[in-house]
């Protein structure tokens, strides 16, 4: 699944493992989604939509990486992580960055397996 405006795949499968590129919390017009809860929900929804063409869901995710522009988003990420992932939850990295494309506040990448 190649992004038209980018020279990379939004998600790519190799050897039964699906690698999902960072999905920024933006709307269809590339505007950032700003509310704490809403931007994290949007990142999870973008992840879901990138896994779906491979017949995968959150239960197939083994590793996630969150990129946020504010570490204060951690509590909301944790709350939604628990809602979406059953035990044992995927490994996770949580990183504060200075900027995310399109002015987004959060981006989420993942590794999933069949």
Protein backbone atom coordinates (compact mmCIF):
# COMPACT_ATOMS: atom_id res chain seq x y z
CA UNK A 1 0.00 0.00 0.00
CA UNK A 2 1.96 3.01 -1.32
CA UNK A 3 1.06 6.55 -0.35
CA UNK A 4 0.52 8.64 -3.48
CA UNK A 5 2.28 11.74 -2.13
CA UNK A 6 5.12 9.87 -0.40
CA UNK A 7 7.91 7.64 -1.72
CA UNK A 8 7.24 4.88 0.82
CA UNK A 9 4.58 2.36 1.73
CA UNK A 10 1.98 3.19 4.35
CA UNK A 11 2.14 -0.49 5.27
CA UNK A 12 4.31 -3.28 3.89
CA UNK A 13 4.34 -7.02 4.46
CA UNK A 14 7.45 -9.15 4.42
CA UNK A 15 7.66 -12.69 5.76
CA UNK A 16 4.30 -12.53 7.53
CA UNK A 17 5.20 -9.32 9.34
CA UNK A 18 3.42 -6.07 8.51
CA UNK A 19 5.32 -2.84 9.07
CA UNK A 20 3.07 0.22 9.38
CA UNK A 21 4.57 3.65 8.73
CA UNK A 22 3.86 6.45 11.17
CA UNK A 23 0.21 7.48 10.92
CA UNK A 24 -0.22 11.13 11.88
CA UNK A 25 -3.39 12.29 13.60
CA UNK A 26 -4.75 14.37 10.72
CA UNK A 27 -8.07 14.62 8.92
CA UNK A 28 -8.73 13.87 5.24
CA UNK A 29 -7.59 17.41 4.29
CA UNK A 30 -4.29 17.00 6.20
CA UNK A 31 -5.39 19.29 9.03
CA UNK A 32 -4.15 18.30 12.49
CA UNK A 33 -6.64 16.85 14.97
CA UNK A 34 -5.96 18.82 18.12
CA UNK A 35 -7.92 17.50 21.12
CA UNK A 36 -5.93 15.12 23.34
CA UNK A 37 -8.47 12.28 23.18
CA UNK A 38 -9.37 12.96 19.55
CA UNK A 39 -5.83 13.04 18.17
CA UNK A 40 -4.94 9.74 19.82
CA UNK A 41 -8.19 8.16 18.62
CA UNK A 42 -7.35 9.36 15.10
CA UNK A 43 -3.89 7.79 15.26
CA UNK A 44 -5.39 4.47 16.36
CA UNK A 45 -8.00 4.68 13.60
CA UNK A 46 -5.28 5.35 11.03
CA UNK A 47 -3.41 2.29 12.31
CA UNK A 48 -6.59 0.20 12.07
CA UNK A 49 -7.18 1.33 8.48
CA UNK A 50 -3.61 0.45 7.48
CA UNK A 51 -3.82 -3.03 9.03
CA UNK A 52 -7.24 -3.87 7.55
CA UNK A 53 -6.11 -4.53 3.93
CA UNK A 54 -3.84 -7.27 5.31
CA UNK A 55 -6.72 -8.85 7.23
CA UNK A 56 -5.12 -7.80 10.52
CA UNK A 57 -6.37 -5.96 13.58
CA UNK A 58 -5.04 -4.68 16.88
CA UNK A 59 -4.74 -8.26 18.18
CA UNK A 60 -1.94 -8.82 15.63
CA UNK A 61 0.18 -5.86 16.77
CA UNK A 62 3.45 -6.79 18.48
CA UNK A 63 5.14 -3.36 18.75
CA UNK A 64 4.08 0.27 18.58
CA UNK A 65 5.95 3.55 18.59
CA UNK A 66 4.18 6.77 19.53
CA UNK A 67 5.69 10.07 18.47
CA UNK A 68 4.15 13.01 20.35
CA UNK A 69 4.87 16.71 20.48
CA UNK A 70 3.97 16.84 24.19
CA UNK A 71 4.77 14.19 26.82
CA UNK A 72 1.59 15.25 28.63
CA UNK A 73 -0.29 13.05 26.10
CA UNK A 74 1.11 9.96 27.85
CA UNK A 75 -1.81 9.49 30.24
CA UNK A 76 -4.38 9.60 27.43
CA UNK A 77 -2.26 7.27 25.28
CA UNK A 78 -2.07 4.83 28.21
CA UNK A 79 -5.84 4.97 28.74
CA UNK A 80 -6.60 4.25 25.09
CA UNK A 81 -3.84 1.64 24.83
CA UNK A 82 -5.48 -0.40 27.60
CA UNK A 83 -8.87 -0.07 25.84
CA UNK A 84 -7.56 -1.36 22.50
CA UNK A 85 -4.96 -3.97 23.39
CA UNK A 86 -5.56 -7.08 25.50
CA UNK A 87 -2.89 -8.62 27.73
CA UNK A 88 -0.17 -9.21 26.93
CA UNK A 89 -0.08 -5.76 25.38
CA UNK A 90 2.34 -4.97 22.56
CA UNK A 91 5.76 -3.60 23.37
CA UNK A 92 5.76 0.19 23.08
CA UNK A 93 8.09 3.11 22.66
CA UNK A 94 6.89 6.63 23.53
CA UNK A 95 8.98 9.51 22.18
CA UNK A 96 8.59 13.28 22.34
CA UNK A 97 9.58 15.01 19.09
CA UNK A 98 9.78 18.66 18.09
CA UNK A 99 7.41 18.33 15.13
CA UNK A 100 5.22 15.89 13.19
CA UNK A 101 4.20 16.47 9.56
CA UNK A 102 1.09 18.59 8.93
CA UNK A 103 1.28 20.02 12.45
CA UNK A 104 -0.08 16.83 14.01
CA UNK A 105 0.45 16.25 17.73
CA UNK A 106 0.79 12.46 17.54
CA UNK A 107 1.87 9.81 15.06
CA UNK A 108 1.73 6.05 15.56
CA UNK A 109 3.73 3.35 13.83
CA UNK A 110 3.48 -0.40 14.41
CA UNK A 111 4.74 -3.87 13.62
CA UNK A 112 2.13 -6.61 13.33
CA UNK A 113 2.33 -10.33 12.58
CA UNK A 114 0.01 -12.98 11.16
